[in-house]
Amino acid sequence: MSLQGKTLFITGASRGIGLAIALRAARDGANVAIVAKTAEPDPRLPGTVYTAAKEIEAAGGKALPLVTDIRFEDQVAAAVAKTVETFGGIDVLVNNASAIHLTGTTATPMKRYDLMHGINTRGTFVCSALCVPHLKQAANPHVLNLSPPLNMEARWFAPHVAYTMAKFGMSMCVLGMAEEFRKDGIAFNALWPRSTIATAAVKNLLGGDQIVRGSRKPEIMGDAAHVILTRPSRECTGNFFVDDEVLASVGKTDLSEYAVDPTATLVPDFFV
């Protein structure tokens, strides 16, 4: 199965996991709408919608950079409309954009709470709602949320209640929308990494180079997402996938190519 000629609408696709998913699709010859806020380079966060577009086109895809803050419905609506105008429709929505702030209740400013819920949960909801009418017209429509299994253990909430609620809100969208749109044949699934992934956010927020050494490269998520997005949508919905399990399902169990440092101990991600 291939994503050749398919149109993907990917939030947060200017770097990290979102870009890895975009590049894997681009190698098939897919069209990618890069929906992200970064228009100007940031020394802490490499990559913009424009540099991502160049990488996608170099990989064999067609790119549409769309500077968009998904907290605002009108901006999402404009991005969806431009994608449909440019490529003729939307086949895949990847809700990847996310904000993280790992603090306890009294140490979490409401500005940070609102940012996480506005991007993670609300952003996922509004992107899904506005893409569904177009997905209904697609031959094999998929929505993939980069969010964790709904593991309702107190240990995942206690250290950072606000962040966990915001990420689980994305997963609840999978749980509900998979059933809501089952009759329309639109697949809604979640994908989460077994280990931490070597992204700018991990380096900046979770402990720097030591965590990165024990992480896997974003390409593992790109490859796992590709497996899911090429499955028949009516037969693959409502799942909470973990990257290594997805790859094992297609016979790939040697994951050494994804290791940042093969000698380092793998750092497990949250929620798994």
C-alpha atoms as a PDB file:
ATOM      1  CA  MET A   1       0.000   0.000   0.000  1.00  0.00           C
ATOM      2  CA  SER A   2       1.141   3.512  -0.790  1.00  0.00           C
ATOM      3  CA  LEU A   3       0.196   7.103  -0.040  1.00  0.00           C
ATOM      4  CA  GLN A   4       0.973   8.170  -3.617  1.00  0.00           C
ATOM      5  CA  GLY A   5      -1.336  10.980  -4.659  1.00  0.00           C
ATOM      6  CA  LYS A   6      -2.960  11.156  -1.217  1.00  0.00           C
ATOM      7  CA  THR A   7      -3.304  14.493   0.560  1.00  0.00           C
ATOM      8  CA  LEU A   8      -2.226  14.703   4.192  1.00  0.00           C
ATOM      9  CA  PHE A   9      -3.119  17.608   6.488  1.00  0.00           C
ATOM     10  CA  ILE A  10      -0.500  17.446   9.261  1.00  0.00           C
ATOM     11  CA  THR A  11      -0.436  19.804  12.244  1.00  0.00           C
ATOM     12  CA  GLY A  12       2.915  20.607  13.778  1.00  0.00           C
ATOM     13  CA  ALA A  13       4.667  19.329  10.642  1.00  0.00           C
ATOM     14  CA  SER A  14       7.517  21.845  10.594  1.00  0.00           C
ATOM     15  CA  ARG A  15       9.764  19.609  12.719  1.00  0.00           C
ATOM     16  CA  GLY A  16      10.036  16.450  14.792  1.00  0.00           C
ATOM     17  CA  ILE A  17       7.475  13.674  14.562  1.00  0.00           C
ATOM     18  CA  GLY A  18       5.099  15.625  12.323  1.00  0.00           C
ATOM     19  CA  LEU A  19       7.856  16.238   9.796  1.00  0.00           C
ATOM     20  CA  ALA A  20       8.971  12.586   9.966  1.00  0.00           C
ATOM     21  CA  ILE A  21       5.429  11.456   9.103  1.00  0.00           C
ATOM     22  CA  ALA A  22       5.324  14.004   6.277  1.00  0.00           C
ATOM     23  CA  LEU A  23       8.658  12.890   4.828  1.00  0.00           C
ATOM     24  CA  ARG A  24       7.684   9.212   4.856  1.00  0.00           C
ATOM     25  CA  ALA A  25       4.489  10.080   2.977  1.00  0.00           C
ATOM     26  CA  ALA A  26       6.459  12.301   0.599  1.00  0.00           C
ATOM     27  CA  ARG A  27       8.630   9.352  -0.413  1.00  0.00           C
ATOM     28  CA  ASP A  28       5.443   7.748  -1.749  1.00  0.00           C
ATOM     29  CA  GLY A  29       4.623  10.891  -3.734  1.00  0.00           C
ATOM     30  CA  ALA A  30       2.004  12.305  -1.375  1.00  0.00           C
ATOM     31  CA  ASN A  31       0.736  15.869  -1.056  1.00  0.00           C
ATOM     32  CA  VAL A  32       1.361  17.404   2.369  1.00  0.00           C
ATOM     33  CA  ALA A  33      -0.248  20.460   3.925  1.00  0.00           C
ATOM     34  CA  ILE A  34       2.216  21.656   6.575  1.00  0.00           C
ATOM     35  CA  VAL A  35       0.045  23.242   9.241  1.00  0.00           C
ATOM     36  CA  ALA A  36       2.223  24.937  11.864  1.00  0.00           C
ATOM     37  CA  LYS A  37       2.891  28.256  13.568  1.00  0.00           C
ATOM     38  CA  THR A  38       6.600  28.605  12.819  1.00  0.00           C
ATOM     39  CA  ALA A  39       7.240  31.020   9.974  1.00  0.00           C
ATOM     40  CA  GLU A  40      10.550  32.419  11.269  1.00  0.00           C
ATOM     41  CA  PRO A  41      13.536  30.372  12.534  1.00  0.00           C
ATOM     42  CA  ASP A  42      13.878  29.964  16.312  1.00  0.00           C
ATOM     43  CA  PRO A  43      17.333  29.059  17.682  1.00  0.00           C
ATOM     44  CA  ARG A  44      15.761  26.607  20.160  1.00  0.00           C
ATOM     45  CA  LEU A  45      13.384  25.037  17.627  1.00  0.00           C
ATOM     46  CA  PRO A  46      14.898  24.274  14.226  1.00  0.00           C
ATOM     47  CA  GLY A  47      12.598  24.241  11.222  1.00  0.00           C
ATOM     48  CA  THR A  48       9.798  26.366   9.772  1.00  0.00           C
ATOM     49  CA  VAL A  49       6.868  25.550   7.500  1.00  0.00           C
ATOM     50  CA  TYR A  50       9.045  26.690   4.600  1.00  0.00           C
ATOM     51  CA  THR A  51      12.115  24.573   5.397  1.00  0.00           C
ATOM     52  CA  ALA A  52       9.792  21.604   5.933  1.00  0.00           C
ATOM     53  CA  ALA A  53       8.225  22.233   2.517  1.00  0.00           C
ATOM     54  CA  LYS A  54      11.653  22.097   0.860  1.00  0.00           C
ATOM     55  CA  GLU A  55      12.447  18.796   2.588  1.00  0.00           C
ATOM     56  CA  ILE A  56       9.096  17.291   1.586  1.00  0.00           C
ATOM     57  CA  GLU A  57       9.534  18.283  -2.045  1.00  0.00           C
ATOM     58  CA  ALA A  58      13.126  16.992  -2.065  1.00  0.00           C
ATOM     59  CA  ALA A  59      11.788  13.660  -0.769  1.00  0.00           C
ATOM     60  CA  GLY A  60       9.370  13.372  -3.699  1.00  0.00           C
ATOM     61  CA  GLY A  61       6.167  14.930  -2.396  1.00  0.00           C
ATOM     62  CA  LYS A  62       4.234  18.122  -3.007  1.00  0.00           C
ATOM     63  CA  ALA A  63       4.129  20.597  -0.147  1.00  0.00           C
ATOM     64  CA  LEU A  64       1.792  23.386   0.915  1.00  0.00           C
ATOM     65  CA  PRO A  65       3.166  25.474   3.808  1.00  0.00           C
ATOM     66  CA  LEU A  66       0.342  26.982   5.865  1.00  0.00           C
ATOM     67  CA  VAL A  67       1.215  29.251   8.787  1.00  0.00           C
ATOM     68  CA  THR A  68      -1.618  28.374  11.166  1.00  0.00           C
ATOM     69  CA  ASP A  69      -2.343  28.549  14.892  1.00  0.00           C
ATOM     70  CA  ILE A  70      -4.775  25.691  15.433  1.00  0.00           C
ATOM     71  CA  ARG A  71      -6.189  27.351  18.558  1.00  0.00           C
ATOM     72  CA  PHE A  72      -8.152  29.600  16.206  1.00  0.00           C
ATOM     73  CA  GLU A  73     -11.013  28.063  14.250  1.00  0.00           C
ATOM     74  CA  ASP A  74     -10.897  30.638  11.468  1.00  0.00           C
ATOM     75  CA  GLN A  75      -7.223  29.910  10.795  1.00  0.00           C
ATOM     76  CA  VAL A  76      -7.877  26.161  10.664  1.00  0.00           C
ATOM     77  CA  ALA A  77     -10.852  26.699   8.355  1.00  0.00           C
ATOM     78  CA  ALA A  78      -8.687  28.798   6.023  1.00  0.00           C
ATOM     79  CA  ALA A  79      -5.938  26.137   6.032  1.00  0.00           C
ATOM     80  CA  VAL A  80      -8.453  23.374   5.249  1.00  0.00           C
ATOM     81  CA  ALA A  81      -9.967  25.436   2.422  1.00  0.00           C
ATOM     82  CA  LYS A  82      -6.547  26.193   0.916  1.00  0.00           C
ATOM     83  CA  THR A  83      -5.566  22.509   1.086  1.00  0.00           C
ATOM     84  CA  VAL A  84      -8.751  21.437  -0.705  1.00  0.00           C
ATOM     85  CA  GLU A  85      -8.357  24.209  -3.276  1.00  0.00           C
ATOM     86  CA  THR A  86      -4.740  23.202  -3.949  1.00  0.00           C
ATOM     87  CA  PHE A  87      -4.933  19.414  -3.889  1.00  0.00           C
ATOM     88  CA  GLY A  88      -8.629  18.690  -4.481  1.00  0.00           C
ATOM     89  CA  GLY A  89      -9.458  17.136  -1.125  1.00  0.00           C
ATOM     90  CA  ILE A  90      -8.078  15.666   2.109  1.00  0.00           C
ATOM     91  CA  ASP A  91      -7.396  11.958   2.596  1.00  0.00           C
ATOM     92  CA  VAL A  92      -5.533  11.980   5.914  1.00  0.00           C
ATOM     93  CA  LEU A  93      -5.520  14.224   8.985  1.00  0.00           C
ATOM     94  CA  VAL A  94      -2.611  13.871  11.418  1.00  0.00           C
ATOM     95  CA  ASN A  95      -3.209  15.682  14.715  1.00  0.00           C
ATOM     96  CA  ASN A  96       0.380  16.009  15.845  1.00  0.00           C
ATOM     97  CA  ALA A  97       0.658  19.585  17.163  1.00  0.00           C
ATOM     98  CA  SER A  98       1.036  19.598  20.910  1.00  0.00           C
ATOM     99  CA  ALA A  99       2.156  21.734  23.844  1.00  0.00           C
ATOM    100  CA  ILE A 100       3.830  20.385  26.967  1.00  0.00           C
ATOM    101  CA  HIS A 101       4.434  21.881  30.428  1.00  0.00           C
ATOM    102  CA  LEU A 102       5.349  19.313  33.069  1.00  0.00           C
ATOM    103  CA  THR A 103       4.399  20.938  36.354  1.00  0.00           C
ATOM    104  CA  GLY A 104       2.201  20.128  39.310  1.00  0.00           C
ATOM    105  CA  THR A 105      -1.118  21.806  39.965  1.00  0.00           C
ATOM    106  CA  THR A 106       0.023  24.832  41.973  1.00  0.00           C
ATOM    107  CA  ALA A 107       3.040  25.399  39.717  1.00  0.00           C
ATOM    108  CA  THR A 108       1.030  25.452  36.481  1.00  0.00           C
ATOM    109  CA  PRO A 109       0.164  28.995  35.320  1.00  0.00           C
ATOM    110  CA  MET A 110      -3.284  29.151  33.764  1.00  0.00           C
ATOM    111  CA  LYS A 111      -1.667  30.571  30.641  1.00  0.00           C
ATOM    112  CA  ARG A 112       0.177  27.260  30.234  1.00  0.00           C
ATOM    113  CA  TYR A 113      -2.945  25.254  31.087  1.00  0.00           C
ATOM    114  CA  ASP A 114      -4.894  27.117  28.413  1.00  0.00           C
ATOM    115  CA  LEU A 115      -2.091  26.684  25.865  1.00  0.00           C
ATOM    116  CA  MET A 116      -1.961  22.898  26.346  1.00  0.00           C
ATOM    117  CA  HIS A 117      -5.716  22.432  26.247  1.00  0.00           C
ATOM    118  CA  GLY A 118      -6.105  24.916  23.401  1.00  0.00           C
ATOM    119  CA  ILE A 119      -3.582  23.145  21.178  1.00  0.00           C
ATOM    120  CA  ASN A 120      -3.796  19.524  22.284  1.00  0.00           C
ATOM    121  CA  THR A 121      -7.460  18.858  22.978  1.00  0.00           C
ATOM    122  CA  ARG A 122      -9.287  21.780  21.380  1.00  0.00           C
ATOM    123  CA  GLY A 123      -6.952  21.966  18.386  1.00  0.00           C
ATOM    124  CA  THR A 124      -7.384  18.264  17.705  1.00  0.00           C
ATOM    125  CA  PHE A 125     -11.150  18.604  17.997  1.00  0.00           C
ATOM    126  CA  VAL A 126     -11.468  21.588  15.657  1.00  0.00           C
ATOM    127  CA  CYS A 127      -9.110  20.128  13.034  1.00  0.00           C
ATOM    128  CA  SER A 128     -11.085  16.882  13.108  1.00  0.00           C
ATOM    129  CA  ALA A 129     -14.449  18.650  12.875  1.00  0.00           C
ATOM    130  CA  LEU A 130     -13.380  20.774   9.914  1.00  0.00           C
ATOM    131  CA  CYS A 131     -11.653  17.952   8.023  1.00  0.00           C
ATOM    132  CA  VAL A 132     -14.425  15.349   8.428  1.00  0.00           C
ATOM    133  CA  PRO A 133     -16.637  16.699   5.606  1.00  0.00           C
ATOM    134  CA  HIS A 134     -13.706  16.286   3.208  1.00  0.00           C
ATOM    135  CA  LEU A 135     -12.591  12.962   4.652  1.00  0.00           C
ATOM    136  CA  LYS A 136     -16.061  11.603   3.959  1.00  0.00           C
ATOM    137  CA  GLN A 137     -15.303  12.065   0.263  1.00  0.00           C
ATOM    138  CA  ALA A 138     -11.954  10.236   0.404  1.00  0.00           C
ATOM    139  CA  ALA A 139     -11.388   6.644  -0.699  1.00  0.00           C
ATOM    140  CA  ASN A 140      -9.481   5.526   2.418  1.00  0.00           C
ATOM    141  CA  PRO A 141      -9.833   8.299   5.017  1.00  0.00           C
ATOM    142  CA  HIS A 142      -7.714   8.276   8.161  1.00  0.00           C
ATOM    143  CA  VAL A 143      -7.301  10.494  11.210  1.00  0.00           C
ATOM    144  CA  LEU A 144      -4.243   9.794  13.348  1.00  0.00           C
ATOM    145  CA  ASN A 145      -3.757  11.511  16.714  1.00  0.00           C
ATOM    146  CA  LEU A 146      -0.313  11.518  18.292  1.00  0.00           C
ATOM    147  CA  SER A 147      -1.627  10.709  21.738  1.00  0.00           C
ATOM    148  CA  PRO A 148      -1.280   7.977  24.365  1.00  0.00           C
ATOM    149  CA  PRO A 149      -3.318   4.933  25.339  1.00  0.00           C
ATOM    150  CA  LEU A 150      -5.993   5.868  27.889  1.00  0.00           C
ATOM    151  CA  ASN A 151      -4.102   4.474  30.861  1.00  0.00           C
ATOM    152  CA  MET A 152      -6.117   5.769  33.803  1.00  0.00           C
ATOM    153  CA  GLU A 153      -3.538   5.275  36.534  1.00  0.00           C
ATOM    154  CA  ALA A 154      -2.971   8.008  39.118  1.00  0.00           C
ATOM    155  CA  ARG A 155       0.800   7.886  38.570  1.00  0.00           C
ATOM    156  CA  TRP A 156       0.366   9.355  35.098  1.00  0.00           C
ATOM    157  CA  PHE A 157      -1.730  12.244  36.413  1.00  0.00           C
ATOM    158  CA  ALA A 158      -0.192  13.207  39.749  1.00  0.00           C
ATOM    159  CA  PRO A 159       3.062  14.856  38.539  1.00  0.00           C
ATOM    160  CA  HIS A 160       1.433  16.933  35.767  1.00  0.00           C
ATOM    161  CA  VAL A 161      -2.368  16.830  35.859  1.00  0.00           C
ATOM    162  CA  ALA A 162      -2.849  19.614  33.304  1.00  0.00           C
ATOM    163  CA  TYR A 163      -0.590  18.039  30.664  1.00  0.00           C
ATOM    164  CA  THR A 164      -2.020  14.564  31.123  1.00  0.00           C
ATOM    165  CA  MET A 165      -5.589  15.818  30.789  1.00  0.00           C
ATOM    166  CA  ALA A 166      -4.675  17.692  27.612  1.00  0.00           C
ATOM    167  CA  LYS A 167      -3.020  14.647  25.993  1.00  0.00           C
ATOM    168  CA  PHE A 168      -5.761  12.271  27.124  1.00  0.00           C
ATOM    169  CA  GLY A 169      -8.273  14.695  25.616  1.00  0.00           C
ATOM    170  CA  MET A 170      -6.726  13.894  22.230  1.00  0.00           C
ATOM    171  CA  SER A 171      -7.102  10.186  22.969  1.00  0.00           C
ATOM    172  CA  MET A 172     -10.723  10.657  23.988  1.00  0.00           C
ATOM    173  CA  CYS A 173     -11.321  12.184  20.550  1.00  0.00           C
ATOM    174  CA  VAL A 174     -10.102   8.878  19.084  1.00  0.00           C
ATOM    175  CA  LEU A 175     -12.347   6.855  21.376  1.00  0.00           C
ATOM    176  CA  GLY A 176     -15.468   8.857  20.567  1.00  0.00           C
ATOM    177  CA  MET A 177     -14.944   9.818  16.945  1.00  0.00           C
ATOM    178  CA  ALA A 178     -13.944   6.312  15.849  1.00  0.00           C
ATOM    179  CA  GLU A 179     -17.419   5.173  16.794  1.00  0.00           C
ATOM    180  CA  GLU A 180     -19.182   8.360  15.694  1.00  0.00           C
ATOM    181  CA  PHE A 181     -17.784   8.135  12.161  1.00  0.00           C
ATOM    182  CA  ARG A 182     -17.525   4.368  11.813  1.00  0.00           C
ATOM    183  CA  LYS A 183     -20.485   4.301   9.413  1.00  0.00           C
ATOM    184  CA  ASP A 184     -18.699   6.851   7.210  1.00  0.00           C
ATOM    185  CA  GLY A 185     -15.621   4.663   6.987  1.00  0.00           C
ATOM    186  CA  ILE A 186     -13.304   7.258   8.552  1.00  0.00           C
ATOM    187  CA  ALA A 187     -10.615   5.645  10.697  1.00  0.00           C
ATOM    188  CA  PHE A 188      -9.624   7.379  13.935  1.00  0.00           C
ATOM    189  CA  ASN A 189      -6.548   5.962  15.666  1.00  0.00           C
ATOM    190  CA  ALA A 190      -3.863   7.066  18.108  1.00  0.00           C
ATOM    191  CA  LEU A 191      -0.122   6.453  17.891  1.00  0.00           C
ATOM    192  CA  TRP A 192       2.349   6.803  20.748  1.00  0.00           C
ATOM    193  CA  PRO A 193       6.053   5.978  21.105  1.00  0.00           C
ATOM    194  CA  ARG A 194       7.430   3.287  23.420  1.00  0.00           C
ATOM    195  CA  SER A 195      10.468   5.441  24.118  1.00  0.00           C
ATOM    196  CA  THR A 196      11.123   9.137  24.188  1.00  0.00           C
ATOM    197  CA  ILE A 197      11.699  10.546  20.704  1.00  0.00           C
ATOM    198  CA  ALA A 198      14.665  12.790  19.896  1.00  0.00           C
ATOM    199  CA  THR A 199      12.860  16.053  19.233  1.00  0.00           C
ATOM    200  CA  ALA A 200      13.575  19.640  20.224  1.00  0.00           C
ATOM    201  CA  ALA A 201      10.837  19.443  22.862  1.00  0.00           C
ATOM    202  CA  VAL A 202      12.428  16.389  24.491  1.00  0.00           C
ATOM    203  CA  LYS A 203      15.840  18.031  24.519  1.00  0.00           C
ATOM    204  CA  ASN A 204      14.582  21.368  25.823  1.00  0.00           C
ATOM    205  CA  LEU A 205      12.016  20.171  28.359  1.00  0.00           C
ATOM    206  CA  LEU A 206      12.849  16.660  29.522  1.00  0.00           C
ATOM    207  CA  GLY A 207      16.500  16.718  30.407  1.00  0.00           C
ATOM    208  CA  GLY A 208      18.768  17.639  27.546  1.00  0.00           C
ATOM    209  CA  ASP A 209      21.351  15.489  25.820  1.00  0.00           C
ATOM    210  CA  GLN A 210      21.189  12.584  28.294  1.00  0.00           C
ATOM    211  CA  ILE A 211      17.517  11.964  27.508  1.00  0.00           C
ATOM    212  CA  VAL A 212      18.173  12.385  23.802  1.00  0.00           C
ATOM    213  CA  ARG A 213      20.887   9.706  23.918  1.00  0.00           C
ATOM    214  CA  GLY A 214      18.335   7.220  25.259  1.00  0.00           C
ATOM    215  CA  SER A 215      15.715   8.199  22.698  1.00  0.00           C
ATOM    216  CA  ARG A 216      14.778   6.925  19.266  1.00  0.00           C
ATOM    217  CA  LYS A 217      14.742   9.027  16.115  1.00  0.00           C
ATOM    218  CA  PRO A 218      11.453  10.522  14.844  1.00  0.00           C
ATOM    219  CA  GLU A 219      11.667   8.238  11.796  1.00  0.00           C
ATOM    220  CA  ILE A 220      10.278   5.338  13.850  1.00  0.00           C
ATOM    221  CA  MET A 221       7.032   7.277  14.225  1.00  0.00           C
ATOM    222  CA  GLY A 222       7.023   8.169  10.537  1.00  0.00           C
ATOM    223  CA  ASP A 223       7.338   4.511   9.576  1.00  0.00           C
ATOM    224  CA  ALA A 224       4.734   3.361  12.106  1.00  0.00           C
ATOM    225  CA  ALA A 225       2.286   6.042  10.975  1.00  0.00           C
ATOM    226  CA  HIS A 226       2.756   4.939   7.359  1.00  0.00           C
ATOM    227  CA  VAL A 227       1.754   1.370   8.269  1.00  0.00           C
ATOM    228  CA  ILE A 228      -1.443   2.608   9.925  1.00  0.00           C
ATOM    229  CA  LEU A 229      -2.385   5.139   7.235  1.00  0.00           C
ATOM    230  CA  THR A 230      -2.119   2.585   4.432  1.00  0.00           C
ATOM    231  CA  ARG A 231      -4.454   0.086   6.116  1.00  0.00           C
ATOM    232  CA  PRO A 232      -8.125  -0.129   5.041  1.00  0.00           C
ATOM    233  CA  SER A 233      -9.892   2.528   7.094  1.00  0.00           C
ATOM    234  CA  ARG A 234     -13.020   0.458   7.675  1.00  0.00           C
ATOM    235  CA  GLU A 235     -10.945  -2.346   9.191  1.00  0.00           C
ATOM    236  CA  CYS A 236      -8.580  -0.256  11.311  1.00  0.00           C
ATOM    237  CA  THR A 237     -10.238   2.230  13.647  1.00  0.00           C
ATOM    238  CA  GLY A 238     -10.474   2.973  17.358  1.00  0.00           C
ATOM    239  CA  ASN A 239      -6.993   1.661  18.136  1.00  0.00           C
ATOM    240  CA  PHE A 240      -4.342   2.999  20.500  1.00  0.00           C
ATOM    241  CA  PHE A 241      -1.147   1.952  18.794  1.00  0.00           C
ATOM    242  CA  VAL A 242       2.419   1.939  20.132  1.00  0.00           C
ATOM    243  CA  ASP A 243       5.150   2.416  17.534  1.00  0.00           C
ATOM    244  CA  ASP A 244       7.193  -0.758  18.074  1.00  0.00           C
ATOM    245  CA  GLU A 245       4.070  -2.938  18.134  1.00  0.00           C
ATOM    246  CA  VAL A 246       2.915  -1.477  14.809  1.00  0.00           C
ATOM    247  CA  LEU A 247       6.258  -2.235  13.190  1.00  0.00           C
ATOM    248  CA  ALA A 248       6.330  -5.736  14.687  1.00  0.00           C
ATOM    249  CA  SER A 249       2.939  -6.381  13.070  1.00  0.00           C
ATOM    250  CA  VAL A 250       4.596  -6.042   9.656  1.00  0.00           C
ATOM    251  CA  GLY A 251       7.637  -8.090  10.615  1.00  0.00           C
ATOM    252  CA  LYS A 252      10.039  -5.323  11.615  1.00  0.00           C
ATOM    253  CA  THR A 253      11.514  -6.166  15.027  1.00  0.00           C
ATOM    254  CA  ASP A 254      15.097  -4.911  14.636  1.00  0.00           C
ATOM    255  CA  LEU A 255      14.753  -1.268  15.616  1.00  0.00           C
ATOM    256  CA  SER A 256      18.458  -0.507  15.971  1.00  0.00           C
ATOM    257  CA  GLU A 257      18.384   1.890  13.008  1.00  0.00           C
ATOM    258  CA  TYR A 258      16.174   4.231  15.020  1.00  0.00           C
ATOM    259  CA  ALA A 259      18.458   4.484  18.072  1.00  0.00           C
ATOM    260  CA  VAL A 260      20.143   7.838  18.651  1.00  0.00           C
ATOM    261  CA  ASP A 261      22.867   6.012  20.599  1.00  0.00           C
ATOM    262  CA  PRO A 262      22.705   2.183  20.377  1.00  0.00           C
ATOM    263  CA  THR A 263      24.819   1.920  23.543  1.00  0.00           C
ATOM    264  CA  ALA A 264      22.441   4.001  25.686  1.00  0.00           C
ATOM    265  CA  THR A 265      19.624   2.590  27.819  1.00  0.00           C
ATOM    266  CA  LEU A 266      16.269   3.307  26.187  1.00  0.00           C
ATOM    267  CA  VAL A 267      14.206   5.922  28.045  1.00  0.00           C
ATOM    268  CA  PRO A 268      10.512   4.934  28.210  1.00  0.00           C
ATOM    269  CA  ASP A 269       7.952   7.575  27.337  1.00  0.00           C
ATOM    270  CA  PHE A 270       5.051   8.605  29.551  1.00  0.00           C
ATOM    271  CA  PHE A 271       1.839   6.550  29.703  1.00  0.00           C
ATOM    272  CA  VAL A 272       3.274   3.198  28.558  1.00  0.00           C
END
